[in-house]
Amino acid sequence: MIEVNQLSLVTRVPILNDFSYQFKTGNICLISAVNGSGKTTFFRALTNLIKHKHGTIRFDGQPFKKEKQAVFFYETPDWLDGNLSGLDYLKFVQRQWRSPRNLNEEINFWKMADYIRLPIKKYSLGMKQHLVIAMYFCSNATYLIMDEISNGLDEESRKRLYDRIKDAAVNEQKCVIISSHYKSDVAVIATRILHLENQKIIAES
């Protein structure tokens, strides 16, 4: 479980004020927010990419630095090094997260066999997004934090993604925190919907 207690975030402007919530395993939590309201900043705070002065964040009772291998967050395909291959990244994730996942199964599931050994600078946006998604599942992390993970995907790929997320939450007891421009699609599989607006995150009843 991720326990957020009285978290406040300020960047150039206030983002979040006194937010407390428990993100439990086995759940898919959709974070709904308009662009620029701070959801990415919230995800960065969860994963210690930015510091917060007020409040606490605990993963199974521990700070992030002690539970890094239980968490996977890859904010954007822009982070990818174009000179490396997709396979380089999958092998790195498997090694760093000490994951038992079969890489070939993930590669085939996401239909990446034709290009996985090519340098990423030759990838289209959709190909990069498939790689990032595969990295999440190759990590086998308990907590999957996905920021606009369905960007650049066609309808068929989005359906495969949502089905896989649901399976991971239900059958593997993963905790998935996700934001998406395709809110209506994700809402179908979400067990919790939270709205970020005016420095507050409020659960939808």
Protein backbone atom coordinates (compact mmCIF):
# COMPACT_ATOMS: atom_id res chain seq x y z
CA MET A 1 0.00 0.00 0.00
CA ILE A 2 1.13 3.55 -0.75
CA GLU A 3 0.23 5.81 2.15
CA VAL A 4 0.20 9.53 1.42
CA ASN A 5 -0.28 11.65 4.52
CA GLN A 6 -0.88 15.42 4.54
CA LEU A 7 1.15 15.96 1.36
CA SER A 8 1.55 19.51 0.09
CA LEU A 9 3.38 20.38 -3.14
CA VAL A 10 4.57 23.73 -4.40
CA THR A 11 6.57 24.37 -7.57
CA ARG A 12 6.27 27.79 -9.18
CA VAL A 13 2.70 27.75 -7.93
CA PRO A 14 0.89 25.66 -5.29
CA ILE A 15 -0.03 22.23 -6.70
CA LEU A 16 -1.47 20.24 -3.83
CA ASN A 17 -2.55 21.07 -0.31
CA ASP A 18 -2.76 18.64 2.62
CA PHE A 19 -3.59 15.49 0.61
CA SER A 20 -3.96 12.14 2.38
CA TYR A 21 -4.89 8.85 0.71
CA GLN A 22 -4.13 5.12 0.67
CA PHE A 23 -3.43 3.51 -2.70
CA LYS A 24 -3.99 -0.21 -2.16
CA THR A 25 -2.73 -3.19 -4.10
CA GLY A 26 -5.28 -4.85 -6.34
CA ASN A 27 -6.66 -1.46 -7.36
CA ILE A 28 -6.47 0.71 -10.47
CA CYS A 29 -6.62 4.39 -9.56
CA LEU A 30 -7.33 6.90 -12.33
CA ILE A 31 -6.05 10.42 -11.67
CA SER A 32 -8.20 12.83 -13.67
CA ALA A 33 -6.95 16.39 -14.18
CA VAL A 34 -6.75 19.11 -16.81
CA ASN A 35 -3.34 19.74 -18.34
CA GLY A 36 -1.10 21.85 -16.16
CA SER A 37 -2.92 21.11 -12.92
CA GLY A 38 -0.03 19.12 -11.45
CA LYS A 39 -0.66 15.39 -11.88
CA THR A 40 2.82 14.78 -13.30
CA THR A 41 4.29 16.76 -10.40
CA PHE A 42 2.33 14.50 -8.04
CA PHE A 43 3.74 11.39 -9.75
CA ARG A 44 7.25 12.84 -9.50
CA ALA A 45 6.74 13.45 -5.80
CA LEU A 46 5.59 9.86 -5.27
CA THR A 47 8.79 8.59 -6.84
CA ASN A 48 11.15 11.07 -5.17
CA LEU A 49 12.04 12.87 -8.42
CA ILE A 50 11.09 16.11 -6.72
CA LYS A 51 11.27 16.89 -3.03
CA HIS A 52 8.31 17.77 -0.87
CA LYS A 53 8.60 19.77 2.33
CA HIS A 54 5.28 18.86 3.90
CA GLY A 55 3.74 15.43 4.38
CA THR A 56 4.94 11.84 4.06
CA ILE A 57 4.82 9.14 1.38
CA ARG A 58 5.35 5.51 2.37
CA PHE A 59 5.46 2.31 0.31
CA ASP A 60 4.53 -0.62 2.53
CA GLY A 61 5.55 1.52 5.47
CA GLN A 62 8.94 2.47 4.02
CA PRO A 63 10.23 5.59 2.23
CA PHE A 64 10.67 5.35 -1.52
CA LYS A 65 14.45 4.93 -1.36
CA LYS A 66 14.03 1.67 0.55
CA GLU A 67 11.34 0.30 -1.77
CA LYS A 68 12.61 1.40 -5.19
CA GLN A 69 12.35 -2.06 -6.69
CA ALA A 70 8.67 -2.23 -5.78
CA VAL A 71 7.91 0.86 -7.87
CA PHE A 72 8.12 1.60 -11.60
CA PHE A 73 7.63 5.04 -13.13
CA TYR A 74 8.86 6.15 -16.56
CA GLU A 75 7.46 9.58 -17.22
CA THR A 76 7.93 9.96 -20.98
CA PRO A 77 9.50 8.29 -24.05
CA ASP A 78 11.59 11.46 -24.28
CA TRP A 79 13.76 9.89 -21.58
CA LEU A 80 14.83 7.13 -24.00
CA ASP A 81 18.35 7.23 -25.45
CA GLY A 82 17.99 7.00 -29.23
CA ASN A 83 21.31 5.20 -29.63
CA LEU A 84 20.22 2.23 -27.51
CA SER A 85 17.82 -0.47 -28.61
CA GLY A 86 14.53 -1.44 -27.05
CA LEU A 87 16.08 -4.75 -26.04
CA ASP A 88 18.82 -2.87 -24.18
CA TYR A 89 16.16 -1.17 -22.10
CA LEU A 90 14.18 -4.34 -21.40
CA LYS A 91 17.32 -6.17 -20.28
CA PHE A 92 18.27 -3.24 -18.06
CA VAL A 93 14.84 -3.17 -16.41
CA GLN A 94 14.82 -6.93 -15.91
CA ARG A 95 18.27 -6.77 -14.27
CA GLN A 96 17.72 -3.70 -12.09
CA TRP A 97 14.30 -4.80 -10.83
CA ARG A 98 15.45 -8.42 -10.47
CA SER A 99 12.41 -9.47 -12.43
CA PRO A 100 11.52 -13.05 -13.37
CA ARG A 101 9.54 -11.88 -16.41
CA ASN A 102 10.25 -13.57 -19.75
CA LEU A 103 11.40 -10.81 -22.10
CA ASN A 104 10.47 -12.69 -25.27
CA GLU A 105 6.93 -13.13 -24.03
CA GLU A 106 6.63 -9.40 -23.39
CA ILE A 107 8.19 -8.56 -26.76
CA ASN A 108 5.74 -10.83 -28.57
CA PHE A 109 2.75 -9.67 -26.53
CA TRP A 110 3.39 -6.05 -27.52
CA LYS A 111 4.28 -7.05 -31.11
CA MET A 112 7.77 -5.56 -31.00
CA ALA A 113 9.82 -8.45 -32.44
CA ASP A 114 10.43 -6.69 -35.78
CA TYR A 115 12.08 -3.66 -34.25
CA ILE A 116 13.16 -4.45 -30.68
CA ARG A 117 16.86 -4.72 -31.69
CA LEU A 118 16.87 -1.49 -33.69
CA PRO A 119 18.18 1.78 -32.21
CA ILE A 120 15.34 3.77 -30.68
CA LYS A 121 16.06 6.78 -32.91
CA LYS A 122 14.40 4.74 -35.67
CA TYR A 123 11.22 4.17 -33.64
CA SER A 124 7.91 5.92 -34.27
CA LEU A 125 6.02 7.46 -31.32
CA GLY A 126 3.81 4.38 -31.10
CA MET A 127 6.81 2.05 -31.09
CA LYS A 128 8.43 4.04 -28.29
CA GLN A 129 5.22 3.93 -26.29
CA HIS A 130 4.97 0.16 -26.70
CA LEU A 131 8.53 -0.12 -25.39
CA VAL A 132 7.78 2.00 -22.34
CA ILE A 133 4.68 -0.10 -21.61
CA ALA A 134 6.71 -3.31 -21.96
CA MET A 135 9.25 -1.89 -19.52
CA TYR A 136 6.51 -1.49 -16.91
CA PHE A 137 5.44 -5.11 -17.13
CA CYS A 138 9.01 -6.42 -17.47
CA SER A 139 9.83 -4.73 -14.16
CA ASN A 140 7.25 -6.87 -12.34
CA ALA A 141 7.02 -3.99 -9.83
CA THR A 142 4.13 -3.95 -7.38
CA TYR A 143 3.40 -0.24 -7.87
CA LEU A 144 3.00 0.91 -11.48
CA ILE A 145 2.67 4.68 -11.88
CA MET A 146 1.62 5.50 -15.44
CA ASP A 147 1.46 9.07 -16.73
CA GLU A 148 -0.51 9.31 -20.00
CA ILE A 149 0.68 5.81 -20.83
CA SER A 150 -1.75 5.37 -23.75
CA ASN A 151 -0.47 8.36 -25.75
CA GLY A 152 0.43 7.43 -29.33
CA LEU A 153 -1.45 4.11 -29.24
CA ASP A 154 -4.14 3.04 -31.67
CA GLU A 155 -7.47 1.71 -30.43
CA GLU A 156 -6.41 -1.94 -30.55
CA SER A 157 -3.23 -1.26 -28.58
CA ARG A 158 -5.12 0.75 -25.97
CA LYS A 159 -7.53 -2.14 -25.45
CA ARG A 160 -4.62 -4.58 -25.03
CA LEU A 161 -3.07 -2.20 -22.52
CA TYR A 162 -6.23 -1.76 -20.45
CA ASP A 163 -6.89 -5.51 -20.43
CA ARG A 164 -3.32 -6.13 -19.28
CA ILE A 165 -3.56 -3.49 -16.55
CA LYS A 166 -6.78 -5.02 -15.27
CA ASP A 167 -5.22 -8.47 -15.24
CA ALA A 168 -2.16 -7.17 -13.37
CA ALA A 169 -4.31 -5.55 -10.70
CA VAL A 170 -6.77 -8.40 -10.24
CA ASN A 171 -4.57 -11.46 -10.70
CA GLU A 172 -1.15 -10.16 -9.63
CA GLN A 173 -2.30 -7.69 -6.97
CA LYS A 174 -0.49 -4.76 -8.54
CA CYS A 175 -1.38 -1.20 -7.59
CA VAL A 176 -1.77 0.88 -10.76
CA ILE A 177 -1.98 4.67 -10.60
CA ILE A 178 -2.73 6.03 -14.05
CA SER A 179 -3.56 9.26 -15.84
CA SER A 180 -4.93 9.33 -19.37
CA HIS A 181 -6.46 11.60 -21.97
CA TYR A 182 -8.77 8.65 -22.66
CA LYS A 183 -10.56 9.04 -19.34
CA SER A 184 -13.77 7.31 -20.41
CA ASP A 185 -11.81 4.23 -21.54
CA VAL A 186 -9.76 3.95 -18.36
CA ALA A 187 -12.76 4.66 -16.13
CA VAL A 188 -14.22 1.30 -17.23
CA ILE A 189 -11.38 -0.61 -15.54
CA ALA A 190 -10.64 1.84 -12.72
CA THR A 191 -11.56 0.84 -9.18
CA ARG A 192 -10.97 4.40 -7.95
CA ILE A 193 -11.23 7.76 -9.73
CA LEU A 194 -9.58 10.81 -8.19
CA HIS A 195 -9.90 14.37 -9.49
CA LEU A 196 -7.03 16.84 -9.11
CA GLU A 197 -8.30 20.41 -9.20
CA ASN A 198 -7.69 23.62 -7.25
CA GLN A 199 -4.88 22.07 -5.18
CA LYS A 200 -7.06 19.19 -4.01
CA ILE A 201 -7.43 15.55 -5.02
CA ILE A 202 -10.99 14.40 -4.42
CA ALA A 203 -12.31 10.87 -4.79
CA GLU A 204 -15.26 10.42 -7.11
CA SER A 205 -18.22 8.95 -5.24
